[in-house]
PDB file of N, CA and C in Angstrom:
ATOM      1  N   VAL A   1       0.755  -0.863   0.205  1.00  0.00           N
ATOM      2  CA  VAL A   1      -0.026  -0.119   0.229  1.00  0.00           C
ATOM      3  C   VAL A   1       1.127   1.304  -0.058  1.00  0.00           C
ATOM      4  N   ILE A   2       1.948   1.192   0.619  1.00  0.00           N
ATOM      5  CA  ILE A   2       2.742   2.305   0.787  1.00  0.00           C
ATOM      6  C   ILE A   2       3.598   2.568  -0.675  1.00  0.00           C
ATOM      7  N   ILE A   3       3.768   1.401  -0.888  1.00  0.00           N
ATOM      8  CA  ILE A   3       4.757   1.673  -2.972  1.00  0.00           C
ATOM      9  C   ILE A   3       3.592   2.252  -3.745  1.00  0.00           C
ATOM     10  N   ILE A   4       2.518   1.782  -3.257  1.00  0.00           N
ATOM     11  CA  ILE A   4       1.412   2.470  -4.264  1.00  0.00           C
ATOM     12  C   ILE A   4       0.966   3.878  -4.426  1.00  0.00           C
ATOM     13  N   TYR A   5       1.068   4.213  -3.068  1.00  0.00           N
ATOM     14  CA  TYR A   5       1.256   5.346  -2.575  1.00  0.00           C
ATOM     15  C   TYR A   5       1.978   6.455  -2.988  1.00  0.00           C
ATOM     16  N   LEU A   6       2.958   5.944  -2.718  1.00  0.00           N
ATOM     17  CA  LEU A   6       4.148   6.873  -3.172  1.00  0.00           C
ATOM     18  C   LEU A   6       4.516   6.609  -4.617  1.00  0.00           C
ATOM     19  N   SER A   7       4.563   5.615  -5.456  1.00  0.00           N
ATOM     20  CA  SER A   7       4.077   6.201  -6.415  1.00  0.00           C
ATOM     21  C   SER A   7       3.086   6.898  -7.506  1.00  0.00           C
ATOM     22  N   ALA A   8       1.658   7.379  -6.516  1.00  0.00           N
ATOM     23  CA  ALA A   8       0.649   7.940  -6.510  1.00  0.00           C
ATOM     24  C   ALA A   8       0.875   8.948  -5.800  1.00  0.00           C
ATOM     25  N   LEU A   9       1.711   9.475  -5.194  1.00  0.00           N
ATOM     26  CA  LEU A   9       2.420  10.922  -5.189  1.00  0.00           C
ATOM     27  C   LEU A   9       3.584  11.085  -6.030  1.00  0.00           C
ATOM     28  N   GLN A  10       4.095  10.400  -6.530  1.00  0.00           N
ATOM     29  CA  GLN A  10       5.626  11.567  -7.558  1.00  0.00           C
ATOM     30  C   GLN A  10       4.833  10.831  -9.066  1.00  0.00           C
ATOM     31  N   ARG A  11       3.360  10.571  -9.311  1.00  0.00           N
ATOM     32  CA  ARG A  11       2.803  11.120 -10.277  1.00  0.00           C
ATOM     33  C   ARG A  11       1.871  12.565 -10.424  1.00  0.00           C
ATOM     34  N   VAL A  12       2.077  13.011  -9.442  1.00  0.00           N
ATOM     35  CA  VAL A  12       1.870  14.297  -9.316  1.00  0.00           C
ATOM     36  C   VAL A  12       2.306  14.970 -10.069  1.00  0.00           C
ATOM     37  N   PRO A  13       1.731  15.973 -11.038  1.00  0.00           N
ATOM     38  CA  PRO A  13       2.870  17.267 -11.360  1.00  0.00           C
ATOM     39  C   PRO A  13       3.494  18.468 -10.516  1.00  0.00           C
ATOM     40  N   ASP A  14       4.978  18.489 -10.736  1.00  0.00           N
ATOM     41  CA  ASP A  14       5.071  19.672 -10.231  1.00  0.00           C
ATOM     42  C   ASP A  14       4.804  20.941 -10.513  1.00  0.00           C
ATOM     43  N   ASP A  15       4.350  20.840 -11.623  1.00  0.00           N
ATOM     44  CA  ASP A  15       4.011  22.386 -12.011  1.00  0.00           C
ATOM     45  C   ASP A  15       2.720  22.700 -11.097  1.00  0.00           C
ATOM     46  N   ILE A  16       2.387  22.076 -10.461  1.00  0.00           N
ATOM     47  CA  ILE A  16       1.099  22.914  -9.952  1.00  0.00           C
ATOM     48  C   ILE A  16       1.307  23.170  -8.547  1.00  0.00           C
ATOM     49  N   TYR A  17       1.829  22.301  -8.107  1.00  0.00           N
ATOM     50  CA  TYR A  17       2.892  22.449  -7.049  1.00  0.00           C
ATOM     51  C   TYR A  17       3.428  24.119  -7.222  1.00  0.00           C
ATOM     52  N   ALA A  18       4.231  24.468  -8.008  1.00  0.00           N
ATOM     53  CA  ALA A  18       5.014  25.452  -8.823  1.00  0.00           C
ATOM     54  C   ALA A  18       3.432  26.660  -8.883  1.00  0.00           C
ATOM     55  N   ALA A  19       2.834  27.022  -9.369  1.00  0.00           N
ATOM     56  CA  ALA A  19       1.753  27.467  -9.372  1.00  0.00           C
ATOM     57  C   ALA A  19       0.688  28.035  -8.217  1.00  0.00           C
ATOM     58  N   ALA A  20       0.901  27.004  -7.356  1.00  0.00           N
ATOM     59  CA  ALA A  20       0.007  27.066  -5.827  1.00  0.00           C
ATOM     60  C   ALA A  20       1.263  27.948  -5.296  1.00  0.00           C
ATOM     61  N   ALA A  21       2.190  27.855  -5.115  1.00  0.00           N
ATOM     62  CA  ALA A  21       3.221  29.033  -4.827  1.00  0.00           C
ATOM     63  C   ALA A  21       3.211  29.495  -4.944  1.00  0.00           C
ATOM     64  N   LEU A  22       3.415  30.112  -6.314  1.00  0.00           N
ATOM     65  CA  LEU A  22       3.084  31.475  -6.928  1.00  0.00           C
ATOM     66  C   LEU A  22       1.681  32.383  -6.943  1.00  0.00           C
ATOM     67  N   ASP A  23       0.693  31.473  -6.047  1.00  0.00           N
ATOM     68  CA  ASP A  23      -0.830  32.029  -5.928  1.00  0.00           C
ATOM     69  C   ASP A  23      -0.555  32.022  -4.106  1.00  0.00           C
ATOM     70  N   GLY A  24       0.534  32.093  -3.647  1.00  0.00           N
ATOM     71  CA  GLY A  24       0.615  32.166  -2.108  1.00  0.00           C
ATOM     72  C   GLY A  24      -0.388  31.137  -1.479  1.00  0.00           C
ATOM     73  N   ALA A  25      -0.761  29.565  -2.167  1.00  0.00           N
ATOM     74  CA  ALA A  25      -1.427  28.998  -1.066  1.00  0.00           C
ATOM     75  C   ALA A  25      -0.819  28.302   0.129  1.00  0.00           C
ATOM     76  N   GLY A  26      -0.763  27.992   0.968  1.00  0.00           N
ATOM     77  CA  GLY A  26      -0.415  27.488   2.171  1.00  0.00           C
ATOM     78  C   GLY A  26       0.092  26.346   1.713  1.00  0.00           C
ATOM     79  N   ALA A  27       0.240  25.256   2.978  1.00  0.00           N
ATOM     80  CA  ALA A  27       1.200  23.975   2.756  1.00  0.00           C
ATOM     81  C   ALA A  27      -0.445  23.086   3.269  1.00  0.00           C
ATOM     82  N   TRP A  28      -1.579  24.014   3.820  1.00  0.00           N
ATOM     83  CA  TRP A  28      -2.606  23.082   4.263  1.00  0.00           C
ATOM     84  C   TRP A  28      -3.238  22.764   2.642  1.00  0.00           C
ATOM     85  N   ARG A  29      -3.548  24.271   2.493  1.00  0.00           N
ATOM     86  CA  ARG A  29      -4.069  24.403   0.839  1.00  0.00           C
ATOM     87  C   ARG A  29      -3.847  23.738  -0.117  1.00  0.00           C
ATOM     88  N   ILE A  30      -2.313  23.779  -0.019  1.00  0.00           N
ATOM     89  CA  ILE A  30      -1.737  22.392  -1.647  1.00  0.00           C
ATOM     90  C   ILE A  30      -1.919  20.898  -0.974  1.00  0.00           C
ATOM     91  N   LEU A  31      -2.268  21.245  -0.120  1.00  0.00           N
ATOM     92  CA  LEU A  31      -2.168  19.339   0.823  1.00  0.00           C
ATOM     93  C   LEU A  31      -3.720  19.163   0.024  1.00  0.00           C
ATOM     94  N   TRP A  32      -4.407  20.472   0.685  1.00  0.00           N
ATOM     95  CA  TRP A  32      -6.150  19.890   0.632  1.00  0.00           C
ATOM     96  C   TRP A  32      -6.373  19.707  -0.925  1.00  0.00           C
ATOM     97  N   SER A  33      -6.450  20.936  -1.497  1.00  0.00           N
ATOM     98  CA  SER A  33      -6.700  21.552  -3.138  1.00  0.00           C
ATOM     99  C   SER A  33      -5.601  20.043  -3.698  1.00  0.00           C
ATOM    100  N   MET A  34      -4.353  20.637  -3.777  1.00  0.00           N
ATOM    101  CA  MET A  34      -3.692  20.005  -4.654  1.00  0.00           C
ATOM    102  C   MET A  34      -3.232  18.544  -5.101  1.00  0.00           C
ATOM    103  N   THR A  35      -2.288  17.992  -3.560  1.00  0.00           N
ATOM    104  CA  THR A  35      -2.510  16.694  -3.483  1.00  0.00           C
ATOM    105  C   THR A  35      -3.205  15.363  -3.191  1.00  0.00           C
ATOM    106  N   TRP A  36      -4.370  16.232  -2.387  1.00  0.00           N
ATOM    107  CA  TRP A  36      -5.488  14.938  -2.176  1.00  0.00           C
ATOM    108  C   TRP A  36      -6.116  14.782  -3.307  1.00  0.00           C
ATOM    109  N   PRO A  37      -7.376  15.659  -4.220  1.00  0.00           N
ATOM    110  CA  PRO A  37      -7.416  15.424  -5.566  1.00  0.00           C
ATOM    111  C   PRO A  37      -6.942  14.411  -6.380  1.00  0.00           C
ATOM    112  N   SER A  38      -5.093  14.273  -6.693  1.00  0.00           N
ATOM    113  CA  SER A  38      -4.237  13.552  -7.127  1.00  0.00           C
ATOM    114  C   SER A  38      -4.388  12.413  -6.641  1.00  0.00           C
ATOM    115  N   VAL A  39      -4.267  11.870  -5.441  1.00  0.00           N
ATOM    116  CA  VAL A  39      -4.448  10.555  -4.488  1.00  0.00           C
ATOM    117  C   VAL A  39      -5.939   9.918  -4.508  1.00  0.00           C
ATOM    118  N   PHE A  40      -6.412  11.106  -4.962  1.00  0.00           N
ATOM    119  CA  PHE A  40      -7.699  10.167  -4.126  1.00  0.00           C
ATOM    120  C   PHE A  40      -8.422   9.283  -4.878  1.00  0.00           C
ATOM    121  N   PRO A  41      -8.439   8.418  -6.258  1.00  0.00           N
ATOM    122  CA  PRO A  41      -9.229   7.830  -6.948  1.00  0.00           C
ATOM    123  C   PRO A  41      -7.994   6.161  -6.749  1.00  0.00           C
ATOM    124  N   THR A  42      -6.148   6.903  -6.520  1.00  0.00           N
ATOM    125  CA  THR A  42      -5.491   5.897  -5.591  1.00  0.00           C
ATOM    126  C   THR A  42      -6.096   5.254  -4.498  1.00  0.00           C
ATOM    127  N   THR A  43      -6.354   6.271  -3.734  1.00  0.00           N
ATOM    128  CA  THR A  43      -7.142   5.558  -2.094  1.00  0.00           C
ATOM    129  C   THR A  43      -8.048   5.061  -2.426  1.00  0.00           C
ATOM    130  N   LEU A  44      -9.251   5.126  -3.176  1.00  0.00           N
ATOM    131  CA  LEU A  44     -10.035   4.523  -3.455  1.00  0.00           C
ATOM    132  C   LEU A  44     -10.213   3.310  -3.756  1.00  0.00           C
ATOM    133  N   ILE A  45      -9.070   2.968  -4.718  1.00  0.00           N
ATOM    134  CA  ILE A  45      -8.644   1.787  -5.204  1.00  0.00           C
ATOM    135  C   ILE A  45      -8.230   0.670  -4.234  1.00  0.00           C
ATOM    136  N   LEU A  46      -6.716   1.516  -3.560  1.00  0.00           N
ATOM    137  CA  LEU A  46      -6.689   0.638  -2.418  1.00  0.00           C
ATOM    138  C   LEU A  46      -7.585   0.157  -1.094  1.00  0.00           C
ATOM    139  N   GLY A  47      -8.625   1.457  -1.396  1.00  0.00           N
ATOM    140  CA  GLY A  47      -9.682   0.708  -0.254  1.00  0.00           C
ATOM    141  C   GLY A  47     -10.195  -0.277  -0.842  1.00  0.00           C
ATOM    142  N   VAL A  48     -10.306  -0.333  -1.720  1.00  0.00           N
ATOM    143  CA  VAL A  48     -11.833  -1.377  -2.075  1.00  0.00           C
ATOM    144  C   VAL A  48     -10.484  -2.435  -2.193  1.00  0.00           C
ATOM    145  N   LEU A  49      -9.432  -2.624  -2.637  1.00  0.00           N
ATOM    146  CA  LEU A  49      -8.627  -3.992  -2.384  1.00  0.00           C
ATOM    147  C   LEU A  49      -8.236  -4.267  -1.126  1.00  0.00           C
ATOM    148  N   GLN A  50      -8.319  -3.710  -0.308  1.00  0.00           N
ATOM    149  CA  GLN A  50      -8.309  -4.103   1.301  1.00  0.00           C
ATOM    150  C   GLN A  50      -9.117  -5.047   1.499  1.00  0.00           C
ATOM    151  N   VAL A  51     -10.622  -3.931   1.334  1.00  0.00           N
ATOM    152  CA  VAL A  51     -11.626  -4.938   1.608  1.00  0.00           C
ATOM    153  C   VAL A  51     -11.647  -6.158   1.037  1.00  0.00           C
ATOM    154  N   ILE A  52     -11.648  -6.295   0.007  1.00  0.00           N
ATOM    155  CA  ILE A  52     -11.275  -7.538  -1.310  1.00  0.00           C
ATOM    156  C   ILE A  52     -10.786  -8.462  -0.599  1.00  0.00           C
ATOM    157  N   ASN A  53      -9.639  -8.379   0.062  1.00  0.00           N
ATOM    158  CA  ASN A  53      -8.491  -8.782   0.774  1.00  0.00           C
ATOM    159  C   ASN A  53      -9.123  -9.745   2.214  1.00  0.00           C
ATOM    160  N   PHE A  54      -9.957  -8.380   2.735  1.00  0.00           N
ATOM    161  CA  PHE A  54     -10.674  -9.125   4.327  1.00  0.00           C
ATOM    162  C   PHE A  54     -10.697  -9.693   4.456  1.00  0.00           C
ATOM    163  N   VAL A  55     -12.378  -9.443   3.094  1.00  0.00           N
ATOM    164  CA  VAL A  55     -13.243 -10.642   2.422  1.00  0.00           C
ATOM    165  C   VAL A  55     -13.076 -11.606   2.153  1.00  0.00           C
ATOM    166  N   ALA A  56     -11.958 -11.970   1.413  1.00  0.00           N
ATOM    167  CA  ALA A  56     -11.827 -13.428   0.386  1.00  0.00           C
ATOM    168  C   ALA A  56     -10.341 -14.066   1.400  1.00  0.00           C
ATOM    169  N   SER A  57      -9.454 -13.532   1.416  1.00  0.00           N
ATOM    170  CA  SER A  57      -8.343 -14.185   1.362  1.00  0.00           C
ATOM    171  C   SER A  57      -8.185 -13.993   3.526  1.00  0.00           C
ATOM    172  N   SER A  58      -8.561 -13.947   4.525  1.00  0.00           N
ATOM    173  CA  SER A  58      -8.463 -13.685   5.687  1.00  0.00           C
ATOM    174  C   SER A  58      -9.080 -15.575   6.218  1.00  0.00           C
ATOM    175  N   LEU A  59      -8.785 -16.101   5.542  1.00  0.00           N
ATOM    176  CA  LEU A  59      -9.143 -17.506   5.944  1.00  0.00           C
ATOM    177  C   LEU A  59      -8.255 -17.975   6.705  1.00  0.00           C
ATOM    178  N   ASP A  60      -6.872 -18.090   5.952  1.00  0.00           N
ATOM    179  CA  ASP A  60      -6.311 -18.811   6.175  1.00  0.00           C
ATOM    180  C   ASP A  60      -5.161 -18.549   8.051  1.00  0.00           C
ATOM    181  N   VAL A  61      -5.488 -17.134   7.970  1.00  0.00           N
ATOM    182  CA  VAL A  61      -4.666 -16.521   8.513  1.00  0.00           C
ATOM    183  C   VAL A  61      -5.649 -17.113  10.680  1.00  0.00           C
ATOM    184  N   SER A  62      -6.594 -16.476   9.996  1.00  0.00           N
ATOM    185  CA  SER A  62      -7.774 -17.011  10.917  1.00  0.00           C
ATOM    186  C   SER A  62      -7.550 -18.422  11.157  1.00  0.00           C
ATOM    187  N   LEU A  63      -7.962 -19.231  10.451  1.00  0.00           N
ATOM    188  CA  LEU A  63      -8.015 -20.697  10.611  1.00  0.00           C
ATOM    189  C   LEU A  63      -6.509 -21.322  11.292  1.00  0.00           C
ATOM    190  N   ILE A  64      -5.310 -20.925  10.798  1.00  0.00           N
ATOM    191  CA  ILE A  64      -4.457 -20.772  11.741  1.00  0.00           C
ATOM    192  C   ILE A  64      -4.063 -20.794  13.007  1.00  0.00           C
ATOM    193  N   MET A  65      -4.132 -19.186  13.349  1.00  0.00           N
ATOM    194  CA  MET A  65      -4.020 -18.597  14.231  1.00  0.00           C
ATOM    195  C   MET A  65      -5.046 -18.795  15.468  1.00  0.00           C
ATOM    196  N   THR A  66      -6.144 -19.018  15.188  1.00  0.00           N
ATOM    197  CA  THR A  66      -7.516 -18.900  16.469  1.00  0.00           C
ATOM    198  C   THR A  66      -8.709 -19.566  15.634  1.00  0.00           C
ATOM    199  N   ASN A  67      -8.417 -20.712  15.368  1.00  0.00           N
ATOM    200  CA  ASN A  67      -9.716 -21.077  14.129  1.00  0.00           C
ATOM    201  C   ASN A  67     -11.301 -20.507  14.313  1.00  0.00           C
ATOM    202  N   GLY A  68     -11.223 -19.087  14.327  1.00  0.00           N
ATOM    203  CA  GLY A  68     -12.567 -18.207  14.439  1.00  0.00           C
ATOM    204  C   GLY A  68     -12.374 -17.474  15.608  1.00  0.00           C
ATOM    205  N   GLY A  69     -11.391 -18.135  16.481  1.00  0.00           N
ATOM    206  CA  GLY A  69     -11.113 -17.152  17.820  1.00  0.00           C
ATOM    207  C   GLY A  69     -11.590 -17.350  18.817  1.00  0.00           C
ATOM    208  N   PRO A  70     -11.429 -16.421  19.711  1.00  0.00           N
ATOM    209  CA  PRO A  70     -12.641 -16.908  20.980  1.00  0.00           C
ATOM    210  C   PRO A  70     -14.349 -16.438  21.180  1.00  0.00           C
ATOM    211  N   LEU A  71     -15.007 -16.940  20.970  1.00  0.00           N
ATOM    212  CA  LEU A  71     -16.351 -16.238  21.226  1.00  0.00           C
ATOM    213  C   LEU A  71     -16.521 -16.372  19.299  1.00  0.00           C
ATOM    214  N   ASN A  72     -15.869 -16.890  18.072  1.00  0.00           N
ATOM    215  CA  ASN A  72     -15.776 -16.627  16.830  1.00  0.00           C
ATOM    216  C   ASN A  72     -15.755 -14.748  16.677  1.00  0.00           C
ATOM    217  N   ALA A  73     -14.888 -14.528  17.461  1.00  0.00           N
ATOM    218  CA  ALA A  73     -14.246 -12.919  17.654  1.00  0.00           C
ATOM    219  C   ALA A  73     -13.633 -12.400  16.218  1.00  0.00           C
ATOM    220  N   SER A  74     -13.128 -13.688  15.678  1.00  0.00           N
ATOM    221  CA  SER A  74     -12.205 -13.825  14.620  1.00  0.00           C
ATOM    222  C   SER A  74     -12.315 -14.364  13.236  1.00  0.00           C
ATOM    223  N   ARG A  75     -14.023 -14.447  13.376  1.00  0.00           N
ATOM    224  CA  ARG A  75     -14.048 -15.462  12.249  1.00  0.00           C
ATOM    225  C   ARG A  75     -14.947 -14.390  10.919  1.00  0.00           C
ATOM    226  N   SER A  76     -14.144 -14.880   9.713  1.00  0.00           N
ATOM    227  CA  SER A  76     -14.887 -14.603   8.670  1.00  0.00           C
ATOM    228  C   SER A  76     -15.524 -14.660   7.932  1.00  0.00           C
ATOM    229  N   LEU A  77     -15.954 -14.109   6.746  1.00  0.00           N
ATOM    230  CA  LEU A  77     -17.976 -15.196   6.220  1.00  0.00           C
ATOM    231  C   LEU A  77     -16.671 -15.960   5.487  1.00  0.00           C
ATOM    232  N   GLY A  78     -15.436 -15.829   5.378  1.00  0.00           N
ATOM    233  CA  GLY A  78     -14.751 -17.090   3.703  1.00  0.00           C
ATOM    234  C   GLY A  78     -14.606 -18.534   5.275  1.00  0.00           C
ATOM    235  N   LEU A  79     -13.486 -17.884   6.245  1.00  0.00           N
ATOM    236  CA  LEU A  79     -13.948 -19.209   7.094  1.00  0.00           C
ATOM    237  C   LEU A  79     -15.306 -19.489   8.151  1.00  0.00           C
ATOM    238  N   TYR A  80     -16.143 -18.719   7.947  1.00  0.00           N
ATOM    239  CA  TYR A  80     -17.427 -19.591   8.472  1.00  0.00           C
ATOM    240  C   TYR A  80     -18.049 -20.269   6.833  1.00  0.00           C
ATOM    241  N   ALA A  81     -17.983 -20.151   5.746  1.00  0.00           N
ATOM    242  CA  ALA A  81     -17.867 -21.057   4.661  1.00  0.00           C
ATOM    243  C   ALA A  81     -17.464 -22.152   5.013  1.00  0.00           C
ATOM    244  N   TYR A  82     -15.823 -22.077   4.937  1.00  0.00           N
ATOM    245  CA  TYR A  82     -15.108 -23.364   5.033  1.00  0.00           C
ATOM    246  C   TYR A  82     -15.310 -24.152   6.052  1.00  0.00           C
ATOM    247  N   GLN A  83     -15.798 -23.647   7.663  1.00  0.00           N
ATOM    248  CA  GLN A  83     -16.014 -24.750   8.523  1.00  0.00           C
ATOM    249  C   GLN A  83     -17.419 -25.333   8.145  1.00  0.00           C
ATOM    250  N   GLU A  84     -18.593 -24.621   7.680  1.00  0.00           N
ATOM    251  CA  GLU A  84     -20.141 -25.175   7.083  1.00  0.00           C
ATOM    252  C   GLU A  84     -19.770 -25.951   6.218  1.00  0.00           C
ATOM    253  N   ALA A  85     -18.769 -26.006   5.448  1.00  0.00           N
ATOM    254  CA  ALA A  85     -18.272 -27.337   3.554  1.00  0.00           C
ATOM    255  C   ALA A  85     -17.692 -28.279   4.641  1.00  0.00           C
ATOM    256  N   PHE A  86     -16.632 -28.511   5.569  1.00  0.00           N
ATOM    257  CA  PHE A  86     -15.334 -29.211   5.582  1.00  0.00           C
ATOM    258  C   PHE A  86     -15.788 -29.448   7.171  1.00  0.00           C
ATOM    259  N   VAL A  87     -16.262 -28.944   7.791  1.00  0.00           N
ATOM    260  CA  VAL A  87     -16.321 -29.533   9.653  1.00  0.00           C
ATOM    261  C   VAL A  87     -17.933 -29.659   9.786  1.00  0.00           C
ATOM    262  N   HIS A  88     -18.716 -29.148   9.360  1.00  0.00           N
ATOM    263  CA  HIS A  88     -20.665 -29.663   9.651  1.00  0.00           C
ATOM    264  C   HIS A  88     -20.760 -30.137   8.042  1.00  0.00           C
ATOM    265  N   GLN A  89     -19.563 -30.405   6.990  1.00  0.00           N
ATOM    266  CA  GLN A  89     -20.764 -31.016   5.970  1.00  0.00           C
ATOM    267  C   GLN A  89     -21.757 -30.458   5.294  1.00  0.00           C
ATOM    268  N   ASP A  90     -21.594 -29.265   5.453  1.00  0.00           N
ATOM    269  CA  ASP A  90     -22.749 -28.379   4.952  1.00  0.00           C
ATOM    270  C   ASP A  90     -22.347 -27.820   3.359  1.00  0.00           C
ATOM    271  N   VAL A  91     -22.732 -28.833   2.399  1.00  0.00           N
ATOM    272  CA  VAL A  91     -22.295 -28.025   1.396  1.00  0.00           C
ATOM    273  C   VAL A  91     -23.020 -27.024   1.098  1.00  0.00           C
ATOM    274  N   GLY A  92     -24.068 -27.245   0.696  1.00  0.00           N
ATOM    275  CA  GLY A  92     -25.158 -26.691  -0.095  1.00  0.00           C
ATOM    276  C   GLY A  92     -25.401 -24.996   0.819  1.00  0.00           C
ATOM    277  N   TYR A  93     -25.254 -25.054   2.252  1.00  0.00           N
ATOM    278  CA  TYR A  93     -24.994 -23.437   3.009  1.00  0.00           C
ATOM    279  C   TYR A  93     -23.678 -23.170   2.226  1.00  0.00           C
ATOM    280  N   SER A  94     -22.707 -23.901   2.564  1.00  0.00           N
ATOM    281  CA  SER A  94     -21.411 -23.031   2.278  1.00  0.00           C
ATOM    282  C   SER A  94     -21.326 -22.394   1.248  1.00  0.00           C
ATOM    283  N   SER A  95     -21.864 -23.161  -0.279  1.00  0.00           N
ATOM    284  CA  SER A  95     -22.134 -22.609  -1.672  1.00  0.00           C
ATOM    285  C   SER A  95     -22.564 -21.617  -1.436  1.00  0.00           C
ATOM    286  N   THR A  96     -23.610 -21.185  -0.591  1.00  0.00           N
ATOM    287  CA  THR A  96     -25.234 -19.669  -0.365  1.00  0.00           C
ATOM    288  C   THR A  96     -24.065 -19.362   0.691  1.00  0.00           C
ATOM    289  N   LEU A  97     -23.121 -18.759   1.333  1.00  0.00           N
ATOM    290  CA  LEU A  97     -21.969 -18.215   1.869  1.00  0.00           C
ATOM    291  C   LEU A  97     -21.159 -17.598   0.802  1.00  0.00           C
ATOM    292  N   SER A  98     -20.840 -19.047  -0.146  1.00  0.00           N
ATOM    293  CA  SER A  98     -19.811 -17.950  -0.952  1.00  0.00           C
ATOM    294  C   SER A  98     -20.377 -17.335  -1.654  1.00  0.00           C
ATOM    295  N   VAL A  99     -22.076 -17.027  -2.484  1.00  0.00           N
ATOM    296  CA  VAL A  99     -22.075 -16.869  -3.341  1.00  0.00           C
ATOM    297  C   VAL A  99     -22.385 -15.464  -2.810  1.00  0.00           C
ATOM    298  N   LEU A 100     -22.797 -15.656  -1.640  1.00  0.00           N
ATOM    299  CA  LEU A 100     -22.966 -13.798  -0.970  1.00  0.00           C
ATOM    300  C   LEU A 100     -21.570 -13.089  -0.665  1.00  0.00           C
ATOM    301  N   GLN A 101     -20.748 -13.569  -0.619  1.00  0.00           N
ATOM    302  CA  GLN A 101     -19.764 -13.362  -0.817  1.00  0.00           C
ATOM    303  C   GLN A 101     -19.207 -12.761  -1.659  1.00  0.00           C
ATOM    304  N   LEU A 102     -19.245 -13.543  -2.852  1.00  0.00           N
ATOM    305  CA  LEU A 102     -18.715 -12.723  -3.708  1.00  0.00           C
ATOM    306  C   LEU A 102     -20.136 -11.607  -4.496  1.00  0.00           C
ATOM    307  N   VAL A 103     -21.076 -11.881  -3.821  1.00  0.00           N
ATOM    308  CA  VAL A 103     -21.957 -10.910  -4.390  1.00  0.00           C
ATOM    309  C   VAL A 103     -21.592  -9.344  -3.459  1.00  0.00           C
ATOM    310  N   VAL A 104     -21.164  -9.281  -2.323  1.00  0.00           N
ATOM    311  CA  VAL A 104     -20.646  -8.358  -1.334  1.00  0.00           C
ATOM    312  C   VAL A 104     -19.348  -7.572  -1.633  1.00  0.00           C
ATOM    313  N   ILE A 105     -18.713  -8.756  -2.641  1.00  0.00           N
ATOM    314  CA  ILE A 105     -17.204  -8.254  -3.537  1.00  0.00           C
ATOM    315  C   ILE A 105     -17.085  -7.493  -4.809  1.00  0.00           C
ATOM    316  N   VAL A 106     -18.812  -7.625  -5.280  1.00  0.00           N
ATOM    317  CA  VAL A 106     -19.330  -7.475  -6.466  1.00  0.00           C
ATOM    318  C   VAL A 106     -19.897  -6.006  -5.737  1.00  0.00           C
ATOM    319  N   VAL A 107     -20.425  -5.765  -5.201  1.00  0.00           N
ATOM    320  CA  VAL A 107     -21.199  -4.347  -5.000  1.00  0.00           C
ATOM    321  C   VAL A 107     -19.691  -3.699  -4.415  1.00  0.00           C
ATOM    322  N   ILE A 108     -19.265  -3.919  -3.827  1.00  0.00           N
ATOM    323  CA  ILE A 108     -17.965  -2.978  -3.477  1.00  0.00           C
ATOM    324  C   ILE A 108     -16.892  -2.354  -4.234  1.00  0.00           C
ATOM    325  N   VAL A 109     -16.946  -3.459  -5.165  1.00  0.00           N
ATOM    326  CA  VAL A 109     -16.366  -3.098  -6.760  1.00  0.00           C
ATOM    327  C   VAL A 109     -16.819  -2.288  -7.618  1.00  0.00           C
ATOM    328  N   VAL A 110     -17.955  -2.299  -7.983  1.00  0.00           N
ATOM    329  CA  VAL A 110     -18.520  -1.473  -8.713  1.00  0.00           C
ATOM    330  C   VAL A 110     -18.947  -0.057  -7.833  1.00  0.00           C
ATOM    331  N   SER A 111     -19.292   0.279  -6.698  1.00  0.00           N
ATOM    332  CA  SER A 111     -19.425   0.843  -5.680  1.00  0.00           C
ATOM    333  C   SER A 111     -17.785   1.742  -5.911  1.00  0.00           C
ATOM    334  N   GLY A 112     -16.774   1.492  -5.655  1.00  0.00           N
ATOM    335  CA  GLY A 112     -15.688   1.940  -5.888  1.00  0.00           C
ATOM    336  C   GLY A 112     -15.296   2.039  -6.819  1.00  0.00           C
ATOM    337  N   ARG A 113     -15.385   1.317  -8.618  1.00  0.00           N
ATOM    338  CA  ARG A 113     -15.540   1.638  -9.300  1.00  0.00           C
ATOM    339  C   ARG A 113     -16.399   3.335  -9.551  1.00  0.00           C
ATOM    340  N   LEU A 114     -17.412   3.136  -9.296  1.00  0.00           N
ATOM    341  CA  LEU A 114     -18.113   4.384  -9.511  1.00  0.00           C
ATOM    342  C   LEU A 114     -17.763   5.802  -9.060  1.00  0.00           C
ATOM    343  N   LEU A 115     -17.353   5.658  -8.183  1.00  0.00           N
ATOM    344  CA  LEU A 115     -16.279   6.844  -6.769  1.00  0.00           C
ATOM    345  C   LEU A 115     -15.646   7.029  -7.686  1.00  0.00           C
ATOM    346  N   THR A 116     -14.845   5.738  -8.183  1.00  0.00           N
ATOM    347  CA  THR A 116     -13.228   6.524  -9.249  1.00  0.00           C
ATOM    348  C   THR A 116     -13.688   7.379 -10.269  1.00  0.00           C
ATOM    349  N   ARG A 117     -14.934   7.172 -10.416  1.00  0.00           N
ATOM    350  CA  ARG A 117     -15.636   7.582 -12.059  1.00  0.00           C
ATOM    351  C   ARG A 117     -15.824   8.508 -11.833  1.00  0.00           C
ATOM    352  N   ARG A 118     -16.257   9.343 -10.818  1.00  0.00           N
ATOM    353  CA  ARG A 118     -17.193  10.425 -10.457  1.00  0.00           C
ATOM    354  C   ARG A 118     -15.556  11.235  -9.582  1.00  0.00           C
ATOM    355  N   SER A 119     -14.889  11.026  -9.340  1.00  0.00           N
ATOM    356  CA  SER A 119     -13.330  11.802  -8.679  1.00  0.00           C
ATOM    357  C   SER A 119     -12.714  12.147  -9.713  1.00  0.00           C
ATOM    358  N   VAL A 120     -13.302  11.419 -10.916  1.00  0.00           N
ATOM    359  CA  VAL A 120     -11.702  11.584 -12.001  1.00  0.00           C
ATOM    360  C   VAL A 120     -12.189  12.926 -12.588  1.00  0.00           C
ATOM    361  N   ARG A 121     -13.337  12.984 -12.698  1.00  0.00           N
ATOM    362  CA  ARG A 121     -13.908  14.029 -13.801  1.00  0.00           C
ATOM    363  C   ARG A 121     -13.892  15.635 -13.406  1.00  0.00           C
TER     364      ARG A 121
END
C-alpha cells in the first residue's frame, strides 16, 4: 500500500505545486486542494482492494492462528463458509455463503468504480 501511495504521489505534477506557491497557497491548502484530489482515485482503489483482501483471503490467518477465535471474534465469512463445508459437512449452505461473499465483493468493486469515475471528472 505504501509503495502504491508513493508512486501516486510521484505521479502528481510539480507544475501545480509551483503554481500554488506563486498564488500564495499555504501547505494545508496545497495538500487539501492539490495533492489529495490527485491521490484520491488511488485511495479508493486501495480501499476496495483491502476490503476484498479482508473478505476473501482472511481465511488462512484466522484458521491457523485462532480457528475463529474466542467466541468467534475473528471468524470471517470465508472461514465460516469453510467450516460449514468441511467441518459440518453442509456444502449447500457453504455454497450459499460463498455466493453471498461474491455478491458483497461485486457490490464493493462496482461502488468503488463509480466513486472513482466521479472523482476523475
